[in-house]
Amino acid sequence: MRRYEIGEYYERDGIRGVVCMLTDDGTHGMIISLDEIYLPWCADAKSDLKKIGADAHDDGRLNMQTVARHIEAGGGSWSDFPAFEWCRAKGEGWYLPSIDELLVIGHNFNGGSRMSFNRKARNRFNDALADHGGKRLNRLVYYFSSTEHDAATAYTSHTAIEPPYMESIAKNTKFLVRAVRRF
């Protein structure tokens, strides 16, 4: 079975991305989308924001399922959740990462530690994105996670080495979004 490395380009059965997480044996993991976009987590007006239960910290797939159940129960449509809709439109298995998944992506982007600057690790990751038509990760801007903090905000994270690594941002504000997929 093929072994992968963090920051390596992944393409299989039409699925493309860059490896951002791995199992210990390197045969399974997660890829991050080549592209990114500025979108709100939720399109509701600030006064209409509510907590829908997308509170899984370690698995964004659970939060995607929560949003789907909310929609099925009459809580709007996918277009009311633009960040989720964009990830879902990439095809089966793609989702908006949870906050813990984003934190691990930031850790791995920096070579396995946020305690020191690892330009080689970052360049490998970003070169794999750019060399395959993607957009480099912006280490200075926060990315939305699928994890709600409260009725009005969701957790975000960046990929830089400087703290704070996690902030809660209003759900109806446009921030960067990347999709992830397990393999």
N, C-alpha and C. Protein backbone atom coordinates (compact mmCIF):
# COMPACT_ATOMS: atom_id res chain seq x y z
N MET A 1 0.84 -1.18 0.00
CA MET A 1 0.00 0.00 0.00
C MET A 1 0.89 1.25 0.00
N ARG A 2 0.52 2.24 -0.78
CA ARG A 2 1.32 3.46 -0.93
C ARG A 2 1.38 4.25 0.37
N ARG A 3 2.57 4.77 0.67
CA ARG A 3 2.77 5.62 1.85
C ARG A 3 2.92 7.08 1.39
N TYR A 4 2.30 7.98 2.10
CA TYR A 4 2.34 9.41 1.76
C TYR A 4 3.12 10.18 2.82
N GLU A 5 3.43 11.42 2.47
CA GLU A 5 4.10 12.33 3.40
C GLU A 5 3.31 13.63 3.47
N ILE A 6 3.41 14.32 4.59
CA ILE A 6 2.77 15.62 4.75
C ILE A 6 3.33 16.57 3.70
N GLY A 7 2.43 17.32 3.07
CA GLY A 7 2.85 18.29 2.06
C GLY A 7 2.99 17.71 0.66
N GLU A 8 2.67 16.44 0.51
CA GLU A 8 2.77 15.78 -0.79
C GLU A 8 1.46 15.95 -1.56
N TYR A 9 1.58 16.15 -2.88
CA TYR A 9 0.40 16.22 -3.74
C TYR A 9 -0.25 14.85 -3.79
N TYR A 10 -1.58 14.83 -3.75
CA TYR A 10 -2.36 13.60 -3.78
C TYR A 10 -3.33 13.68 -4.96
N GLU A 11 -3.34 12.63 -5.78
CA GLU A 11 -4.34 12.52 -6.84
C GLU A 11 -4.68 11.06 -7.03
N ARG A 12 -5.95 10.75 -6.86
CA ARG A 12 -6.42 9.38 -7.02
C ARG A 12 -7.90 9.40 -7.36
N ASP A 13 -8.27 8.71 -8.41
CA ASP A 13 -9.68 8.62 -8.83
C ASP A 13 -10.33 9.99 -8.97
N GLY A 14 -9.58 10.95 -9.49
CA GLY A 14 -10.11 12.30 -9.71
C GLY A 14 -10.12 13.19 -8.48
N ILE A 15 -9.70 12.66 -7.35
CA ILE A 15 -9.64 13.43 -6.11
C ILE A 15 -8.25 14.04 -6.01
N ARG A 16 -8.19 15.36 -5.85
CA ARG A 16 -6.90 16.06 -5.81
C ARG A 16 -6.80 16.94 -4.57
N GLY A 17 -5.61 16.99 -3.99
CA GLY A 17 -5.36 17.85 -2.84
C GLY A 17 -3.93 17.68 -2.38
N VAL A 18 -3.64 18.24 -1.23
CA VAL A 18 -2.32 18.10 -0.63
C VAL A 18 -2.49 17.43 0.73
N VAL A 19 -1.65 16.44 1.00
CA VAL A 19 -1.73 15.68 2.24
C VAL A 19 -1.42 16.61 3.42
N CYS A 20 -2.37 16.67 4.36
CA CYS A 20 -2.20 17.55 5.51
C CYS A 20 -2.24 16.81 6.84
N MET A 21 -2.64 15.53 6.84
CA MET A 21 -2.65 14.68 8.03
C MET A 21 -2.43 13.25 7.59
N LEU A 22 -1.80 12.47 8.46
CA LEU A 22 -1.52 11.06 8.14
C LEU A 22 -1.70 10.17 9.35
N THR A 23 -2.05 8.91 9.07
CA THR A 23 -1.99 7.89 10.10
C THR A 23 -0.52 7.57 10.34
N ASP A 24 -0.22 6.86 11.40
CA ASP A 24 1.17 6.55 11.74
C ASP A 24 1.90 5.81 10.63
N ASP A 25 1.18 4.95 9.90
CA ASP A 25 1.85 4.19 8.84
C ASP A 25 1.91 4.94 7.50
N GLY A 26 1.30 6.13 7.43
CA GLY A 26 1.37 6.96 6.23
C GLY A 26 0.51 6.50 5.07
N THR A 27 -0.35 5.51 5.27
CA THR A 27 -1.16 4.99 4.17
C THR A 27 -2.54 5.64 4.08
N HIS A 28 -2.98 6.26 5.13
CA HIS A 28 -4.27 6.94 5.16
C HIS A 28 -4.08 8.30 5.81
N GLY A 29 -5.03 9.18 5.54
CA GLY A 29 -4.92 10.51 6.12
C GLY A 29 -5.98 11.44 5.60
N MET A 30 -5.58 12.68 5.44
CA MET A 30 -6.49 13.73 5.01
C MET A 30 -5.77 14.63 4.01
N ILE A 31 -6.53 15.09 3.02
CA ILE A 31 -6.01 16.08 2.08
C ILE A 31 -6.78 17.38 2.26
N ILE A 32 -6.12 18.46 1.88
CA ILE A 32 -6.75 19.78 1.90
C ILE A 32 -6.94 20.20 0.45
N SER A 33 -8.02 20.92 0.19
CA SER A 33 -8.33 21.34 -1.18
C SER A 33 -7.24 22.25 -1.74
N LEU A 34 -7.10 22.22 -3.05
CA LEU A 34 -6.12 23.08 -3.71
C LEU A 34 -6.56 24.54 -3.67
N ASP A 35 -7.86 24.75 -3.63
CA ASP A 35 -8.38 26.12 -3.67
C ASP A 35 -8.96 26.53 -2.33
N GLU A 36 -9.21 27.82 -2.22
CA GLU A 36 -9.82 28.39 -1.03
C GLU A 36 -10.71 29.55 -1.48
N ILE A 37 -11.57 29.99 -0.58
CA ILE A 37 -12.51 31.05 -0.93
C ILE A 37 -12.93 31.78 0.34
N TYR A 38 -13.24 33.05 0.22
CA TYR A 38 -13.80 33.81 1.34
C TYR A 38 -15.31 33.63 1.34
N LEU A 39 -15.83 33.05 2.42
CA LEU A 39 -17.27 32.84 2.56
C LEU A 39 -17.66 32.96 4.03
N PRO A 40 -18.91 33.31 4.30
CA PRO A 40 -19.38 33.24 5.68
C PRO A 40 -19.72 31.80 6.06
N TRP A 41 -19.64 31.50 7.33
CA TRP A 41 -20.03 30.20 7.86
C TRP A 41 -21.54 30.04 7.68
N CYS A 42 -22.26 31.12 7.97
CA CYS A 42 -23.72 31.14 7.89
C CYS A 42 -24.14 32.48 7.30
N ALA A 43 -25.18 32.48 6.47
CA ALA A 43 -25.61 33.70 5.79
C ALA A 43 -26.65 34.50 6.57
N ASP A 44 -27.05 34.03 7.74
CA ASP A 44 -28.07 34.74 8.52
C ASP A 44 -27.58 36.12 8.94
N ALA A 45 -28.53 37.03 9.09
CA ALA A 45 -28.20 38.34 9.65
C ALA A 45 -27.77 38.14 11.10
N LYS A 46 -26.97 39.04 11.60
CA LYS A 46 -26.42 38.91 12.95
C LYS A 46 -27.52 38.65 13.99
N SER A 47 -28.65 39.33 13.86
CA SER A 47 -29.73 39.17 14.83
C SER A 47 -30.43 37.81 14.74
N ASP A 48 -30.24 37.11 13.62
CA ASP A 48 -30.90 35.81 13.42
C ASP A 48 -30.00 34.61 13.69
N LEU A 49 -28.74 34.85 14.03
CA LEU A 49 -27.81 33.74 14.25
C LEU A 49 -28.25 32.90 15.44
N LYS A 50 -28.09 31.59 15.30
CA LYS A 50 -28.44 30.67 16.39
C LYS A 50 -27.50 29.49 16.38
N LYS A 51 -27.37 28.85 17.52
CA LYS A 51 -26.53 27.66 17.63
C LYS A 51 -27.31 26.48 17.07
N ILE A 52 -26.68 25.74 16.15
CA ILE A 52 -27.39 24.59 15.55
C ILE A 52 -26.83 23.25 16.03
N GLY A 53 -25.80 23.28 16.87
CA GLY A 53 -25.25 22.05 17.42
C GLY A 53 -24.04 21.50 16.70
N ALA A 54 -23.42 22.30 15.84
CA ALA A 54 -22.19 21.86 15.15
C ALA A 54 -21.01 22.09 16.10
N ASP A 55 -20.94 21.24 17.12
CA ASP A 55 -19.96 21.47 18.19
C ASP A 55 -18.88 20.41 18.29
N ALA A 56 -18.76 19.54 17.30
CA ALA A 56 -17.68 18.53 17.31
C ALA A 56 -16.35 19.25 17.07
N HIS A 57 -15.43 19.04 17.98
CA HIS A 57 -14.11 19.68 17.87
C HIS A 57 -13.12 18.85 17.07
N ASP A 58 -13.32 17.53 17.01
CA ASP A 58 -12.30 16.66 16.43
C ASP A 58 -12.66 16.03 15.08
N ASP A 59 -13.87 16.24 14.58
CA ASP A 59 -14.26 15.62 13.31
C ASP A 59 -15.29 16.49 12.60
N GLY A 60 -14.86 17.22 11.60
CA GLY A 60 -15.74 18.10 10.85
C GLY A 60 -16.85 17.38 10.12
N ARG A 61 -16.68 16.08 9.86
CA ARG A 61 -17.75 15.32 9.21
C ARG A 61 -19.00 15.31 10.08
N LEU A 62 -18.80 15.25 11.39
CA LEU A 62 -19.95 15.27 12.31
C LEU A 62 -20.67 16.61 12.24
N ASN A 63 -19.93 17.68 12.10
CA ASN A 63 -20.55 19.00 11.98
C ASN A 63 -21.29 19.14 10.65
N MET A 64 -20.74 18.57 9.58
CA MET A 64 -21.45 18.56 8.29
C MET A 64 -22.77 17.82 8.43
N GLN A 65 -22.75 16.69 9.14
CA GLN A 65 -23.98 15.92 9.36
C GLN A 65 -24.98 16.72 10.18
N THR A 66 -24.50 17.47 11.16
CA THR A 66 -25.38 18.30 11.98
C THR A 66 -26.05 19.38 11.13
N VAL A 67 -25.28 20.02 10.26
CA VAL A 67 -25.85 21.03 9.36
C VAL A 67 -26.88 20.38 8.44
N ALA A 68 -26.57 19.21 7.90
CA ALA A 68 -27.52 18.50 7.02
C ALA A 68 -28.82 18.19 7.76
N ARG A 69 -28.72 17.72 9.00
CA ARG A 69 -29.92 17.41 9.79
C ARG A 69 -30.73 18.68 10.07
N HIS A 70 -30.03 19.77 10.36
CA HIS A 70 -30.69 21.06 10.60
C HIS A 70 -31.47 21.49 9.36
N ILE A 71 -30.87 21.35 8.21
CA ILE A 71 -31.53 21.72 6.94
C ILE A 71 -32.73 20.82 6.69
N GLU A 72 -32.54 19.51 6.86
CA GLU A 72 -33.63 18.54 6.64
C GLU A 72 -34.81 18.80 7.57
N ALA A 73 -34.53 19.31 8.76
CA ALA A 73 -35.59 19.58 9.73
C ALA A 73 -36.29 20.91 9.46
N GLY A 74 -35.98 21.52 8.33
CA GLY A 74 -36.64 22.77 7.98
C GLY A 74 -35.87 24.01 8.40
N GLY A 75 -34.60 23.83 8.68
CA GLY A 75 -33.78 24.96 9.13
C GLY A 75 -33.06 25.67 8.01
N GLY A 76 -33.68 25.75 6.84
CA GLY A 76 -33.06 26.48 5.74
C GLY A 76 -32.57 25.56 4.64
N SER A 77 -31.58 26.06 3.89
CA SER A 77 -31.01 25.29 2.79
C SER A 77 -29.49 25.39 2.87
N TRP A 78 -28.81 24.63 2.03
CA TRP A 78 -27.34 24.67 2.02
C TRP A 78 -26.84 26.07 1.73
N SER A 79 -27.57 26.84 0.93
CA SER A 79 -27.13 28.20 0.60
C SER A 79 -27.13 29.11 1.83
N ASP A 80 -27.81 28.70 2.89
CA ASP A 80 -27.77 29.46 4.15
C ASP A 80 -26.48 29.20 4.93
N PHE A 81 -25.71 28.21 4.48
CA PHE A 81 -24.44 27.84 5.12
C PHE A 81 -23.36 27.79 4.04
N PRO A 82 -22.96 28.96 3.51
CA PRO A 82 -22.08 29.01 2.33
C PRO A 82 -20.77 28.24 2.46
N ALA A 83 -20.12 28.29 3.60
CA ALA A 83 -18.84 27.57 3.75
C ALA A 83 -19.05 26.06 3.62
N PHE A 84 -20.10 25.57 4.23
CA PHE A 84 -20.43 24.14 4.16
C PHE A 84 -20.85 23.76 2.74
N GLU A 85 -21.67 24.60 2.13
CA GLU A 85 -22.15 24.34 0.77
C GLU A 85 -20.98 24.24 -0.21
N TRP A 86 -20.01 25.14 -0.09
CA TRP A 86 -18.86 25.15 -0.98
C TRP A 86 -18.07 23.84 -0.84
N CYS A 87 -17.84 23.42 0.39
CA CYS A 87 -17.10 22.16 0.62
C CYS A 87 -17.89 20.97 0.07
N ARG A 88 -19.17 20.95 0.33
CA ARG A 88 -20.05 19.86 -0.12
C ARG A 88 -20.09 19.77 -1.65
N ALA A 89 -20.04 20.92 -2.32
CA ALA A 89 -20.10 20.95 -3.79
C ALA A 89 -18.87 20.33 -4.44
N LYS A 90 -17.82 20.11 -3.69
CA LYS A 90 -16.61 19.48 -4.23
C LYS A 90 -16.82 17.99 -4.49
N GLY A 91 -17.87 17.43 -3.90
CA GLY A 91 -18.17 16.02 -4.12
C GLY A 91 -18.19 15.23 -2.83
N GLU A 92 -18.51 13.97 -2.99
CA GLU A 92 -18.64 13.08 -1.84
C GLU A 92 -17.37 13.04 -1.01
N GLY A 93 -17.54 13.16 0.30
CA GLY A 93 -16.42 13.04 1.22
C GLY A 93 -15.75 14.34 1.61
N TRP A 94 -15.95 15.40 0.85
CA TRP A 94 -15.35 16.70 1.18
C TRP A 94 -16.16 17.37 2.28
N TYR A 95 -15.47 18.04 3.19
CA TYR A 95 -16.17 18.72 4.28
C TYR A 95 -15.34 19.87 4.84
N LEU A 96 -15.99 20.71 5.63
CA LEU A 96 -15.34 21.82 6.32
C LEU A 96 -14.69 21.26 7.58
N PRO A 97 -13.38 21.44 7.76
CA PRO A 97 -12.71 20.82 8.90
C PRO A 97 -13.15 21.39 10.25
N SER A 98 -13.08 20.55 11.27
CA SER A 98 -13.35 20.99 12.64
C SER A 98 -12.18 21.85 13.13
N ILE A 99 -12.35 22.47 14.28
CA ILE A 99 -11.27 23.31 14.81
C ILE A 99 -10.03 22.48 15.14
N ASP A 100 -10.18 21.31 15.72
CA ASP A 100 -9.00 20.49 16.03
C ASP A 100 -8.30 20.04 14.75
N GLU A 101 -9.06 19.73 13.72
CA GLU A 101 -8.45 19.36 12.44
C GLU A 101 -7.67 20.54 11.87
N LEU A 102 -8.22 21.75 11.95
CA LEU A 102 -7.49 22.93 11.48
C LEU A 102 -6.21 23.16 12.28
N LEU A 103 -6.28 22.94 13.59
CA LEU A 103 -5.08 23.12 14.42
C LEU A 103 -3.99 22.12 14.04
N VAL A 104 -4.37 20.89 13.74
CA VAL A 104 -3.39 19.88 13.31
C VAL A 104 -2.83 20.25 11.94
N ILE A 105 -3.67 20.76 11.05
CA ILE A 105 -3.18 21.19 9.74
C ILE A 105 -2.12 22.28 9.92
N GLY A 106 -2.38 23.25 10.79
CA GLY A 106 -1.40 24.30 11.06
C GLY A 106 -0.12 23.75 11.64
N HIS A 107 -0.24 22.80 12.54
CA HIS A 107 0.92 22.13 13.14
C HIS A 107 1.75 21.43 12.05
N ASN A 108 1.08 20.67 11.20
CA ASN A 108 1.77 19.92 10.15
C ASN A 108 2.34 20.84 9.06
N PHE A 109 1.63 21.91 8.74
CA PHE A 109 2.11 22.90 7.77
C PHE A 109 3.45 23.48 8.21
N ASN A 110 3.64 23.59 9.50
CA ASN A 110 4.87 24.15 10.07
C ASN A 110 5.91 23.09 10.39
N GLY A 111 5.79 21.92 9.81
CA GLY A 111 6.80 20.88 9.98
C GLY A 111 6.64 20.05 11.23
N GLY A 112 5.48 20.09 11.86
CA GLY A 112 5.22 19.27 13.04
C GLY A 112 5.37 20.02 14.35
N SER A 113 5.59 21.33 14.27
CA SER A 113 5.71 22.13 15.49
C SER A 113 5.40 23.58 15.17
N ARG A 114 4.77 24.24 16.10
CA ARG A 114 4.57 25.69 15.96
C ARG A 114 5.53 26.44 16.87
N MET A 115 6.56 25.77 17.32
CA MET A 115 7.53 26.39 18.22
C MET A 115 8.69 27.03 17.47
N SER A 116 8.85 26.70 16.20
CA SER A 116 9.94 27.29 15.42
C SER A 116 9.50 27.41 13.97
N PHE A 117 10.14 28.32 13.27
CA PHE A 117 9.83 28.58 11.87
C PHE A 117 10.49 27.52 10.99
N ASN A 118 9.70 26.79 10.22
CA ASN A 118 10.24 25.75 9.34
C ASN A 118 9.86 26.08 7.90
N ARG A 119 10.67 26.93 7.29
CA ARG A 119 10.40 27.40 5.93
C ARG A 119 10.34 26.24 4.93
N LYS A 120 11.20 25.25 5.11
CA LYS A 120 11.24 24.11 4.18
C LYS A 120 9.90 23.36 4.17
N ALA A 121 9.34 23.11 5.35
CA ALA A 121 8.06 22.41 5.45
C ALA A 121 6.94 23.23 4.81
N ARG A 122 6.90 24.51 5.12
CA ARG A 122 5.88 25.39 4.55
C ARG A 122 6.00 25.45 3.04
N ASN A 123 7.23 25.61 2.55
CA ASN A 123 7.43 25.70 1.10
C ASN A 123 7.01 24.41 0.41
N ARG A 124 7.32 23.27 1.00
CA ARG A 124 6.93 22.00 0.39
C ARG A 124 5.41 21.94 0.24
N PHE A 125 4.73 22.29 1.30
CA PHE A 125 3.27 22.29 1.31
C PHE A 125 2.72 23.26 0.27
N ASN A 126 3.19 24.51 0.33
CA ASN A 126 2.68 25.54 -0.58
C ASN A 126 3.09 25.31 -2.03
N ASP A 127 4.28 24.77 -2.25
CA ASP A 127 4.70 24.45 -3.62
C ASP A 127 3.81 23.36 -4.21
N ALA A 128 3.44 22.36 -3.40
CA ALA A 128 2.55 21.30 -3.89
C ALA A 128 1.20 21.89 -4.29
N LEU A 129 0.71 22.85 -3.51
CA LEU A 129 -0.54 23.52 -3.86
C LEU A 129 -0.39 24.29 -5.17
N ALA A 130 0.60 25.18 -5.22
CA ALA A 130 0.78 26.07 -6.38
C ALA A 130 1.15 25.30 -7.65
N ASP A 131 1.99 24.28 -7.53
CA ASP A 131 2.42 23.52 -8.70
C ASP A 131 1.28 22.76 -9.37
N HIS A 132 0.17 22.60 -8.66
CA HIS A 132 -0.97 21.86 -9.21
C HIS A 132 -2.19 22.75 -9.36
N GLY A 133 -1.92 24.04 -9.57
CA GLY A 133 -2.99 24.99 -9.87
C GLY A 133 -3.74 25.51 -8.66
N GLY A 134 -3.22 25.23 -7.46
CA GLY A 134 -3.90 25.66 -6.25
C GLY A 134 -3.39 26.98 -5.72
N LYS A 135 -3.97 27.38 -4.62
CA LYS A 135 -3.62 28.62 -3.94
C LYS A 135 -2.85 28.28 -2.68
N ARG A 136 -1.72 28.94 -2.48
CA ARG A 136 -0.91 28.73 -1.28
C ARG A 136 -1.73 29.06 -0.03
N LEU A 137 -1.44 28.35 1.07
CA LEU A 137 -2.09 28.67 2.34
C LEU A 137 -1.62 30.05 2.79
N ASN A 138 -2.54 30.86 3.24
CA ASN A 138 -2.22 32.18 3.75
C ASN A 138 -2.04 32.06 5.26
N ARG A 139 -0.80 32.10 5.72
CA ARG A 139 -0.54 31.86 7.13
C ARG A 139 -0.97 33.00 8.04
N LEU A 140 -1.31 34.15 7.48
CA LEU A 140 -1.65 35.31 8.29
C LEU A 140 -3.15 35.55 8.42
N VAL A 141 -3.95 34.75 7.73
CA VAL A 141 -5.40 34.94 7.75
C VAL A 141 -6.05 33.72 8.41
N TYR A 142 -7.10 33.97 9.14
CA TYR A 142 -7.83 32.89 9.80
C TYR A 142 -8.73 32.15 8.81
N TYR A 143 -8.81 30.83 9.00
CA TYR A 143 -9.69 29.96 8.22
C TYR A 143 -10.84 29.51 9.12
N PHE A 144 -12.05 29.51 8.56
CA PHE A 144 -13.21 29.02 9.32
C PHE A 144 -13.10 27.52 9.55
N SER A 145 -13.50 27.10 10.74
CA SER A 145 -13.71 25.68 11.02
C SER A 145 -15.22 25.43 10.99
N SER A 146 -15.60 24.18 11.05
CA SER A 146 -17.02 23.82 11.10
C SER A 146 -17.56 23.84 12.52
N THR A 147 -16.71 24.14 13.50
CA THR A 147 -17.08 24.05 14.91
C THR A 147 -17.64 25.38 15.43
N GLU A 148 -18.86 25.33 15.91
CA GLU A 148 -19.47 26.52 16.51
C GLU A 148 -18.86 26.79 17.88
N HIS A 149 -18.74 28.06 18.21
CA HIS A 149 -18.36 28.46 19.56
C HIS A 149 -19.61 28.78 20.37
N ASP A 150 -20.50 29.56 19.77
CA ASP A 150 -21.77 29.90 20.39
C ASP A 150 -22.76 30.27 19.28
N ALA A 151 -23.88 30.87 19.63
CA ALA A 151 -24.90 31.18 18.63
C ALA A 151 -24.39 32.11 17.54
N ALA A 152 -23.51 33.02 17.90
CA ALA A 152 -23.08 34.05 16.95
C ALA A 152 -21.73 33.78 16.29
N THR A 153 -20.92 32.89 16.87
CA THR A 153 -19.55 32.73 16.38
C THR A 153 -19.17 31.27 16.13
N ALA A 154 -18.16 31.11 15.28
CA ALA A 154 -17.55 29.80 15.02
C ALA A 154 -16.05 29.95 15.21
N TYR A 155 -15.38 28.85 15.50
CA TYR A 155 -13.93 28.88 15.69
C TYR A 155 -13.20 29.01 14.36
N THR A 156 -12.09 29.73 14.40
CA THR A 156 -11.21 29.89 13.25
C THR A 156 -9.78 29.63 13.71
N SER A 157 -8.90 29.36 12.75
CA SER A 157 -7.48 29.19 13.06
C SER A 157 -6.66 29.63 11.86
N HIS A 158 -5.40 29.97 12.11
CA HIS A 158 -4.46 30.33 11.05
C HIS A 158 -3.32 29.30 11.06
N THR A 159 -2.39 29.43 10.13
CA THR A 159 -1.30 28.45 10.04
C THR A 159 0.05 29.02 10.46
N ALA A 160 0.07 30.24 10.98
CA ALA A 160 1.34 30.85 11.42
C ALA A 160 1.80 30.24 12.74
N ILE A 161 3.04 30.55 13.13
CA ILE A 161 3.56 30.01 14.39
C ILE A 161 3.20 30.89 15.58
N GLU A 162 2.73 32.11 15.32
CA GLU A 162 2.42 33.03 16.41
C GLU A 162 1.02 32.78 16.96
N PRO A 163 0.89 32.72 18.30
CA PRO A 163 -0.45 32.60 18.88
C PRO A 163 -1.19 33.94 18.78
N PRO A 164 -2.49 34.00 18.95
CA PRO A 164 -3.36 32.88 19.30
C PRO A 164 -3.67 32.03 18.07
N TYR A 165 -3.76 30.75 18.27
CA TYR A 165 -4.00 29.83 17.16
C TYR A 165 -5.49 29.67 16.86
N MET A 166 -6.31 30.11 17.80
CA MET A 166 -7.74 29.91 17.67
C MET A 166 -8.47 31.18 18.12
N GLU A 167 -9.43 31.59 17.33
CA GLU A 167 -10.29 32.74 17.66
C GLU A 167 -11.72 32.39 17.27
N SER A 168 -12.69 33.00 17.94
CA SER A 168 -14.06 32.86 17.47
C SER A 168 -14.45 34.14 16.72
N ILE A 169 -15.04 33.92 15.57
CA ILE A 169 -15.39 35.00 14.64
C ILE A 169 -16.89 34.89 14.32
N ALA A 170 -17.53 36.01 14.12
CA ALA A 170 -18.96 36.01 13.77
C ALA A 170 -19.21 35.11 12.55
N LYS A 171 -20.20 34.26 12.66
CA LYS A 171 -20.50 33.29 11.61
C LYS A 171 -20.88 33.93 10.28
N ASN A 172 -21.42 35.15 10.32
CA ASN A 172 -21.86 35.78 9.07
C ASN A 172 -20.79 36.68 8.46
N THR A 173 -19.56 36.58 8.96
CA THR A 173 -18.42 37.31 8.41
C THR A 173 -17.71 36.42 7.39
N LYS A 174 -17.22 37.03 6.32
CA LYS A 174 -16.48 36.25 5.32
C LYS A 174 -15.04 36.03 5.79
N PHE A 175 -14.66 34.76 5.88
CA PHE A 175 -13.29 34.37 6.17
C PHE A 175 -12.89 33.26 5.21
N LEU A 176 -11.61 32.94 5.19
CA LEU A 176 -11.15 31.89 4.27
C LEU A 176 -11.73 30.54 4.64
N VAL A 177 -11.98 29.74 3.60
CA VAL A 177 -12.52 28.39 3.75
C VAL A 177 -11.69 27.46 2.88
N ARG A 178 -11.30 26.34 3.44
CA ARG A 178 -10.67 25.23 2.71
C ARG A 178 -11.47 23.97 3.02
N ALA A 179 -11.61 23.12 2.04
CA ALA A 179 -12.27 21.83 2.25
C ALA A 179 -11.21 20.77 2.52
N VAL A 180 -11.60 19.73 3.24
CA VAL A 180 -10.72 18.59 3.48
C VAL A 180 -11.47 17.31 3.14
N ARG A 181 -10.69 16.26 2.95
CA ARG A 181 -11.27 14.95 2.62
C ARG A 181 -10.35 13.87 3.14
N ARG A 182 -10.92 12.84 3.71
CA ARG A 182 -10.12 11.70 4.20
C ARG A 182 -9.82 10.75 3.04
N PHE A 183 -8.70 10.04 3.16
CA PHE A 183 -8.37 9.01 2.16
C PHE A 183 -7.82 7.79 2.87
